[in-house]
Amino acid sequence: MNPEFDYDLTPDQWEMLKALRAPAPRARALNRFVVENLIALGLAETTDSRAVLTPKGRSVLLRGSPRLLDLAT
């Protein structure tokens, strides 16, 4: 396992990562606290006054959460 991409994110953080992958945020308001946490982890950033995924955030999202995989088995 590559520790660079191993994050123990909360379900809210995973949902926010999924919401940010779309070109435009969904109509629902983004949870500012969760977005700020993702920014602090380097998984998101603000561009033109909106939150977007960083390349690192995209990689983490594509790789998925080991904890979520454990729940599926």
C-alpha atoms as a PDB file:
ATOM      1  CA  MET A   1       0.000   0.000   0.000  1.00  0.00           C
ATOM      2  CA  ASN A   2       1.164   3.502  -0.782  1.00  0.00           C
ATOM      3  CA  PRO A   3       0.867   5.658   2.358  1.00  0.00           C
ATOM      4  CA  GLU A   4       0.766   8.765   0.179  1.00  0.00           C
ATOM      5  CA  PHE A   5      -2.800   7.908  -0.828  1.00  0.00           C
ATOM      6  CA  ASP A   6      -4.045   6.250   2.376  1.00  0.00           C
ATOM      7  CA  TYR A   7      -6.432   8.611   4.110  1.00  0.00           C
ATOM      8  CA  ASP A   8      -8.851   7.828   6.898  1.00  0.00           C
ATOM      9  CA  LEU A   9     -11.574  10.174   5.680  1.00  0.00           C
ATOM     10  CA  THR A  10     -15.017  10.417   7.204  1.00  0.00           C
ATOM     11  CA  PRO A  11     -18.061   9.460   5.130  1.00  0.00           C
ATOM     12  CA  ASP A  12     -18.858  13.197   4.803  1.00  0.00           C
ATOM     13  CA  GLN A  13     -15.386  13.849   3.406  1.00  0.00           C
ATOM     14  CA  TRP A  14     -15.746  11.017   0.870  1.00  0.00           C
ATOM     15  CA  GLU A  15     -19.137  12.348  -0.194  1.00  0.00           C
ATOM     16  CA  MET A  16     -17.670  15.829  -0.596  1.00  0.00           C
ATOM     17  CA  LEU A  17     -14.796  14.482  -2.717  1.00  0.00           C
ATOM     18  CA  LYS A  18     -17.378  12.806  -4.950  1.00  0.00           C
ATOM     19  CA  ALA A  19     -19.415  16.017  -5.146  1.00  0.00           C
ATOM     20  CA  LEU A  20     -16.356  18.067  -6.110  1.00  0.00           C
ATOM     21  CA  ARG A  21     -15.405  15.811  -9.019  1.00  0.00           C
ATOM     22  CA  ALA A  22     -18.236  17.267 -11.123  1.00  0.00           C
ATOM     23  CA  PRO A  23     -17.333  20.383 -13.128  1.00  0.00           C
ATOM     24  CA  ALA A  24     -19.950  22.480 -11.327  1.00  0.00           C
ATOM     25  CA  PRO A  25     -21.023  21.936  -7.713  1.00  0.00           C
ATOM     26  CA  ARG A  26     -24.458  20.503  -7.238  1.00  0.00           C
ATOM     27  CA  ALA A  27     -27.292  22.796  -6.233  1.00  0.00           C
ATOM     28  CA  ARG A  28     -27.008  21.810  -2.591  1.00  0.00           C
ATOM     29  CA  ALA A  29     -24.743  23.918  -0.443  1.00  0.00           C
ATOM     30  CA  LEU A  30     -21.274  22.548   0.223  1.00  0.00           C
ATOM     31  CA  ASN A  31     -20.407  21.913   3.846  1.00  0.00           C
ATOM     32  CA  ARG A  32     -17.730  24.576   4.367  1.00  0.00           C
ATOM     33  CA  PHE A  33     -16.164  22.722   7.318  1.00  0.00           C
ATOM     34  CA  VAL A  34     -15.697  19.532   5.285  1.00  0.00           C
ATOM     35  CA  VAL A  35     -14.333  21.492   2.313  1.00  0.00           C
ATOM     36  CA  GLU A  36     -11.835  23.291   4.570  1.00  0.00           C
ATOM     37  CA  ASN A  37     -10.672  19.925   5.950  1.00  0.00           C
ATOM     38  CA  LEU A  38     -10.122  18.621   2.419  1.00  0.00           C
ATOM     39  CA  ILE A  39      -8.204  21.788   1.529  1.00  0.00           C
ATOM     40  CA  ALA A  40      -6.020  21.336   4.628  1.00  0.00           C
ATOM     41  CA  LEU A  41      -5.242  17.762   3.488  1.00  0.00           C
ATOM     42  CA  GLY A  42      -4.342  19.021   0.007  1.00  0.00           C
ATOM     43  CA  LEU A  43      -7.217  17.117  -1.588  1.00  0.00           C
ATOM     44  CA  ALA A  44      -9.131  20.223  -2.683  1.00  0.00           C
ATOM     45  CA  GLU A  45      -8.426  23.871  -3.379  1.00  0.00           C
ATOM     46  CA  THR A  46     -10.351  27.025  -4.117  1.00  0.00           C
ATOM     47  CA  THR A  47     -10.309  28.314  -7.650  1.00  0.00           C
ATOM     48  CA  ASP A  48     -12.447  31.232  -8.787  1.00  0.00           C
ATOM     49  CA  SER A  49     -14.266  31.222  -5.417  1.00  0.00           C
ATOM     50  CA  ARG A  50     -15.299  27.574  -5.645  1.00  0.00           C
ATOM     51  CA  ALA A  51     -13.848  24.335  -4.341  1.00  0.00           C
ATOM     52  CA  VAL A  52     -12.293  21.906  -6.817  1.00  0.00           C
ATOM     53  CA  LEU A  53     -10.346  18.675  -6.498  1.00  0.00           C
ATOM     54  CA  THR A  54      -6.577  18.762  -6.691  1.00  0.00           C
ATOM     55  CA  PRO A  55      -4.757  16.067  -8.674  1.00  0.00           C
ATOM     56  CA  LYS A  56      -3.943  14.457  -5.312  1.00  0.00           C
ATOM     57  CA  GLY A  57      -7.647  14.540  -4.350  1.00  0.00           C
ATOM     58  CA  ARG A  58      -8.584  12.946  -7.659  1.00  0.00           C
ATOM     59  CA  SER A  59      -6.064  10.151  -7.078  1.00  0.00           C
ATOM     60  CA  VAL A  60      -7.366   9.512  -3.562  1.00  0.00           C
ATOM     61  CA  LEU A  61     -10.942   9.445  -4.832  1.00  0.00           C
ATOM     62  CA  LEU A  62     -10.076   7.018  -7.627  1.00  0.00           C
ATOM     63  CA  ARG A  63      -8.191   4.738  -5.266  1.00  0.00           C
ATOM     64  CA  GLY A  64     -11.033   4.744  -2.743  1.00  0.00           C
ATOM     65  CA  SER A  65     -11.119   4.163   0.953  1.00  0.00           C
ATOM     66  CA  PRO A  66      -9.740   0.927   2.366  1.00  0.00           C
ATOM     67  CA  ARG A  67     -12.255   1.328   5.171  1.00  0.00           C
ATOM     68  CA  LEU A  68     -15.128   1.464   2.665  1.00  0.00           C
ATOM     69  CA  LEU A  69     -13.794  -1.651   0.969  1.00  0.00           C
ATOM     70  CA  ASP A  70     -13.787  -3.421   4.345  1.00  0.00           C
ATOM     71  CA  LEU A  71     -17.467  -2.578   4.778  1.00  0.00           C
ATOM     72  CA  ALA A  72     -18.321  -4.095   1.376  1.00  0.00           C
ATOM     73  CA  THR A  73     -16.874  -7.505   2.253  1.00  0.00           C
END
